[in-house]
Amino acid sequence: MLAPDLVLLIEDDPHIRELIVSALECDSYKLITAGTAARGMHEAVQQKPQLLLLDLGLPDRDGLEFIRDFRGWSSIPILVISARTQESQVVAALDAGADDYLTKPFGVSELLARVRAQLRRAPVQHQESTPLIQFGDFTINCVTREVLKGGQLLHLSQIEYRLLQALAANPGRVMTHRQLLVQVWGGQASANHEYLRVYVGHLRQKIEATPGKPRHILTEIGVGYRFQL
């Protein structure tokens, strides 16, 4: 007999949380719940769920930032459940890395259908994911959002951290200018290549031994950047 799919629900409203838990448990899913982004990230690391249900309006952190950081180390499906109904909000969540978006209020039947759809599309076996990314003397902790160099904390701005994480999470892969701009700043910045170039320069100054001859952040002329471990 197969074990029930494990679903992590991050939702701060206790009434909605109770509704979703009841609906999914009646459909034979196993639920883990969290009321804050910090607790949700902790549960994701410890429990390794097959699906994440996420409210964007969390008390300790914006859901879009959570999605971007989560995508730095995990590829499990994310179904956003939010009261934000504007098209721009939906697009921003999908650009950040969400797989689907369900607006509140919603019907239980639709929720269950979307959960089934995401679990069908997900790989049967997930590669073991870890919130730690290591290269050279550096370690990126995607949970604490800290970067260590030789065991010492390296000070990065929020944008620099997001950019480094986006690159380092995809070693050997060419990341286009648009992909990086959308992941780090959101879709509204998707055409501002000069903005990206400036921040790549700042990041190289902090992680490259010789910024003029980078080892890790390599330029793919006219296309984007490639990260080399």
Protein backbone atom coordinates (compact mmCIF):
# COMPACT_ATOMS: atom_id res chain seq x y z
CA MET A 1 0.00 0.00 0.00
CA LEU A 2 1.38 3.38 -1.03
CA ALA A 3 1.93 6.01 1.65
CA PRO A 4 -0.36 9.06 1.34
CA ASP A 5 1.06 12.12 -0.39
CA LEU A 6 2.49 14.61 2.08
CA VAL A 7 1.23 18.20 1.65
CA LEU A 8 2.62 21.24 3.45
CA LEU A 9 0.11 24.06 4.01
CA ILE A 10 1.45 27.51 4.92
CA GLU A 11 -1.55 29.64 5.90
CA ASP A 12 -1.97 32.06 8.82
CA ASP A 13 -5.79 32.13 8.89
CA PRO A 14 -6.85 29.30 11.26
CA HIS A 15 -10.32 28.97 9.72
CA ILE A 16 -9.03 28.54 6.17
CA ARG A 17 -6.29 26.26 7.47
CA GLU A 18 -8.87 24.05 9.18
CA LEU A 19 -11.03 23.93 6.03
CA ILE A 20 -8.12 22.89 3.80
CA VAL A 21 -6.80 20.32 6.25
CA SER A 22 -10.24 18.76 6.62
CA ALA A 23 -10.81 18.61 2.86
CA LEU A 24 -7.44 17.08 2.04
CA GLU A 25 -7.37 14.61 4.91
CA CYS A 26 -10.82 13.36 3.86
CA ASP A 27 -9.28 12.74 0.43
CA SER A 28 -6.47 10.66 2.01
CA TYR A 29 -3.66 13.23 1.99
CA LYS A 30 -1.34 13.74 4.95
CA LEU A 31 -1.05 17.39 6.04
CA ILE A 32 1.63 19.43 7.76
CA THR A 33 0.67 23.01 8.62
CA ALA A 34 2.51 26.23 9.41
CA GLY A 35 1.23 29.73 10.17
CA THR A 36 4.37 31.65 9.21
CA ALA A 37 6.91 31.62 6.41
CA ALA A 38 9.74 30.81 8.82
CA ARG A 39 7.93 27.79 10.23
CA GLY A 40 6.90 26.71 6.75
CA MET A 41 10.48 26.74 5.49
CA HIS A 42 11.58 24.73 8.53
CA GLU A 43 8.87 22.12 7.92
CA ALA A 44 9.73 21.91 4.22
CA VAL A 45 13.37 21.15 5.03
CA GLN A 46 12.56 18.61 7.75
CA GLN A 47 9.51 16.85 6.29
CA LYS A 48 10.18 16.98 2.52
CA PRO A 49 6.55 17.22 1.31
CA GLN A 50 5.38 16.35 -2.21
CA LEU A 51 3.34 19.55 -2.58
CA LEU A 52 3.30 23.03 -1.04
CA LEU A 53 0.10 25.05 -0.59
CA LEU A 54 1.00 28.67 0.10
CA ASP A 55 -0.86 31.81 1.15
CA LEU A 56 0.92 34.97 -0.04
CA GLY A 57 -0.17 37.22 2.83
CA LEU A 58 1.89 35.77 5.66
CA PRO A 59 2.57 37.73 8.88
CA ASP A 60 6.36 37.49 8.82
CA ARG A 61 7.21 37.62 5.13
CA ASP A 62 5.74 38.24 1.69
CA GLY A 63 4.86 35.04 -0.12
CA LEU A 64 6.58 36.07 -3.36
CA GLU A 65 9.92 36.33 -1.56
CA PHE A 66 9.28 32.96 0.03
CA ILE A 67 8.66 31.36 -3.38
CA ARG A 68 11.86 32.80 -4.86
CA ASP A 69 13.97 31.51 -1.96
CA PHE A 70 12.21 28.15 -1.94
CA ARG A 71 12.84 27.69 -5.64
CA GLY A 72 16.55 28.14 -4.96
CA TRP A 73 16.73 24.63 -3.54
CA SER A 74 13.46 22.75 -4.14
CA SER A 75 11.47 21.89 -7.27
CA ILE A 76 8.33 20.48 -5.62
CA PRO A 77 5.05 21.93 -6.95
CA ILE A 78 3.73 25.12 -5.35
CA LEU A 79 0.01 25.88 -5.43
CA VAL A 80 -0.68 29.43 -4.27
CA ILE A 81 -3.98 30.01 -2.45
CA SER A 82 -4.49 33.74 -2.06
CA ALA A 83 -7.05 36.52 -1.71
CA ARG A 84 -4.99 38.62 -4.14
CA THR A 85 -7.09 38.55 -7.31
CA GLN A 86 -5.31 41.09 -9.53
CA GLU A 87 -3.82 39.67 -12.70
CA SER A 88 -0.47 41.30 -11.88
CA GLN A 89 -0.32 39.40 -8.58
CA VAL A 90 -1.06 36.09 -10.28
CA VAL A 91 1.62 36.75 -12.91
CA ALA A 92 4.14 37.77 -10.24
CA ALA A 93 3.57 34.54 -8.30
CA LEU A 94 3.93 32.38 -11.40
CA ASP A 95 7.06 34.29 -12.48
CA ALA A 96 8.53 33.79 -9.00
CA GLY A 97 8.20 30.02 -9.37
CA ALA A 98 4.66 28.98 -8.39
CA ASP A 99 3.05 26.25 -10.49
CA ASP A 100 -0.61 27.21 -10.05
CA TYR A 101 -2.75 29.91 -8.45
CA LEU A 102 -6.15 29.56 -6.75
CA THR A 103 -7.98 32.66 -5.52
CA LYS A 104 -10.04 32.87 -2.33
CA PRO A 105 -12.86 32.11 -1.85
CA PHE A 106 -12.60 28.73 -3.58
CA GLY A 107 -14.60 25.52 -3.79
CA VAL A 108 -13.30 22.36 -2.18
CA SER A 109 -13.79 20.37 -5.39
CA GLU A 110 -11.63 22.80 -7.36
CA LEU A 111 -8.95 22.77 -4.66
CA LEU A 112 -8.79 18.96 -4.71
CA ALA A 113 -8.67 18.92 -8.51
CA ARG A 114 -5.77 21.35 -8.59
CA VAL A 115 -3.91 19.36 -5.90
CA ARG A 116 -4.36 16.15 -7.93
CA ALA A 117 -3.19 17.90 -11.10
CA GLN A 118 0.01 19.18 -9.50
CA LEU A 119 0.85 15.81 -7.96
CA ARG A 120 0.28 14.10 -11.33
CA ARG A 121 2.69 16.45 -13.05
CA ALA A 122 5.36 16.14 -10.36
CA PRO A 123 8.11 13.54 -10.89
CA VAL A 124 7.38 10.21 -9.24
CA GLN A 125 10.78 10.36 -7.56
CA HIS A 126 12.33 13.62 -6.42
CA GLN A 127 16.02 14.17 -6.35
CA GLU A 128 17.07 14.70 -2.74
CA SER A 129 17.03 18.46 -2.31
CA THR A 130 19.02 20.35 0.24
CA PRO A 131 18.83 23.99 1.35
CA LEU A 132 22.64 24.19 1.29
CA ILE A 133 24.52 25.16 -1.87
CA GLN A 134 28.31 24.85 -1.76
CA PHE A 135 30.99 26.06 -4.15
CA GLY A 136 34.65 26.79 -3.49
CA ASP A 137 34.96 28.22 0.03
CA PHE A 138 31.32 29.37 0.00
CA THR A 139 28.16 27.91 1.51
CA ILE A 140 24.69 29.33 0.81
CA ASN A 141 22.05 28.47 3.41
CA CYS A 142 18.71 28.94 1.67
CA VAL A 143 16.76 28.71 4.93
CA THR A 144 18.64 31.31 6.95
CA ARG A 145 19.47 33.26 3.74
CA GLU A 146 23.10 33.50 4.81
CA VAL A 147 26.27 33.12 2.76
CA LEU A 148 29.46 31.94 4.45
CA LYS A 149 32.96 32.32 3.05
CA GLY A 150 35.45 30.07 4.80
CA GLY A 151 33.00 29.81 7.70
CA GLN A 152 32.67 33.59 8.05
CA LEU A 153 29.46 35.46 7.30
CA LEU A 154 29.62 37.36 4.00
CA HIS A 155 27.53 40.53 3.90
CA LEU A 156 25.29 40.68 0.83
CA SER A 157 22.37 42.94 0.09
CA GLN A 158 18.98 41.30 -0.43
CA ILE A 159 19.29 41.69 -4.20
CA GLU A 160 22.85 40.33 -4.24
CA TYR A 161 21.75 37.31 -2.22
CA ARG A 162 18.82 36.55 -4.53
CA LEU A 163 21.02 36.89 -7.60
CA LEU A 164 23.72 34.61 -6.20
CA GLN A 165 21.17 32.02 -5.15
CA ALA A 166 19.46 32.06 -8.56
CA LEU A 167 22.79 31.51 -10.32
CA ALA A 168 24.30 28.98 -7.90
CA ALA A 169 21.14 26.86 -7.85
CA ASN A 170 21.62 26.25 -11.58
CA PRO A 171 25.31 25.38 -12.04
CA GLY A 172 26.42 24.96 -15.63
CA ARG A 173 23.15 26.29 -17.01
CA VAL A 174 23.00 29.49 -19.02
CA MET A 175 20.56 31.84 -17.28
CA THR A 176 19.24 34.47 -19.67
CA HIS A 177 19.00 38.12 -18.73
CA ARG A 178 15.21 37.85 -18.62
CA GLN A 179 15.21 34.72 -16.44
CA LEU A 180 17.44 36.35 -13.86
CA LEU A 181 15.58 39.65 -13.87
CA VAL A 182 12.23 37.92 -13.37
CA GLN A 183 13.54 35.62 -10.62
CA VAL A 184 15.33 38.36 -8.69
CA TRP A 185 13.26 41.50 -9.29
CA GLY A 186 9.99 40.25 -10.78
CA GLY A 187 8.43 40.58 -14.22
CA GLN A 188 8.32 44.39 -14.11
CA ALA A 189 12.13 44.49 -14.44
CA SER A 190 12.39 41.97 -17.26
CA ALA A 191 13.86 44.41 -19.80
CA ASN A 192 16.38 46.21 -17.58
CA HIS A 193 19.59 44.40 -18.57
CA GLU A 194 21.82 47.24 -17.40
CA TYR A 195 20.42 46.92 -13.88
CA LEU A 196 21.41 43.24 -13.89
CA ARG A 197 24.91 43.99 -15.18
CA VAL A 198 25.55 46.41 -12.33
CA TYR A 199 24.54 43.90 -9.66
CA VAL A 200 26.55 41.10 -11.26
CA GLY A 201 29.54 43.44 -11.00
CA HIS A 202 28.85 44.05 -7.31
CA LEU A 203 28.53 40.32 -6.67
CA ARG A 204 31.75 39.51 -8.48
CA GLN A 205 33.58 42.00 -6.26
CA LYS A 206 32.44 40.01 -3.22
CA ILE A 207 32.89 36.40 -4.32
CA GLU A 208 35.53 36.34 -7.04
CA ALA A 209 39.24 36.24 -6.18
CA THR A 210 39.89 38.21 -9.39
CA PRO A 211 36.67 40.02 -10.37
CA GLY A 212 38.07 40.95 -13.79
CA LYS A 213 38.68 37.26 -14.54
CA PRO A 214 35.73 35.57 -12.81
CA ARG A 215 35.79 31.89 -11.99
CA HIS A 216 32.20 31.42 -10.88
CA ILE A 217 29.96 33.98 -12.63
CA LEU A 218 30.72 33.72 -16.34
CA THR A 219 29.27 36.02 -18.98
CA GLU A 220 27.51 34.52 -21.98
CA ILE A 221 27.73 37.49 -24.34
CA GLY A 222 24.35 38.70 -25.57
CA VAL A 223 22.51 35.97 -23.67
CA GLY A 224 23.06 36.09 -19.91
CA TYR A 225 25.28 34.40 -17.30
CA ARG A 226 26.42 30.91 -16.37
CA PHE A 227 27.49 29.80 -12.90
CA GLN A 228 30.49 27.52 -12.53
CA LEU A 229 31.08 25.68 -9.26
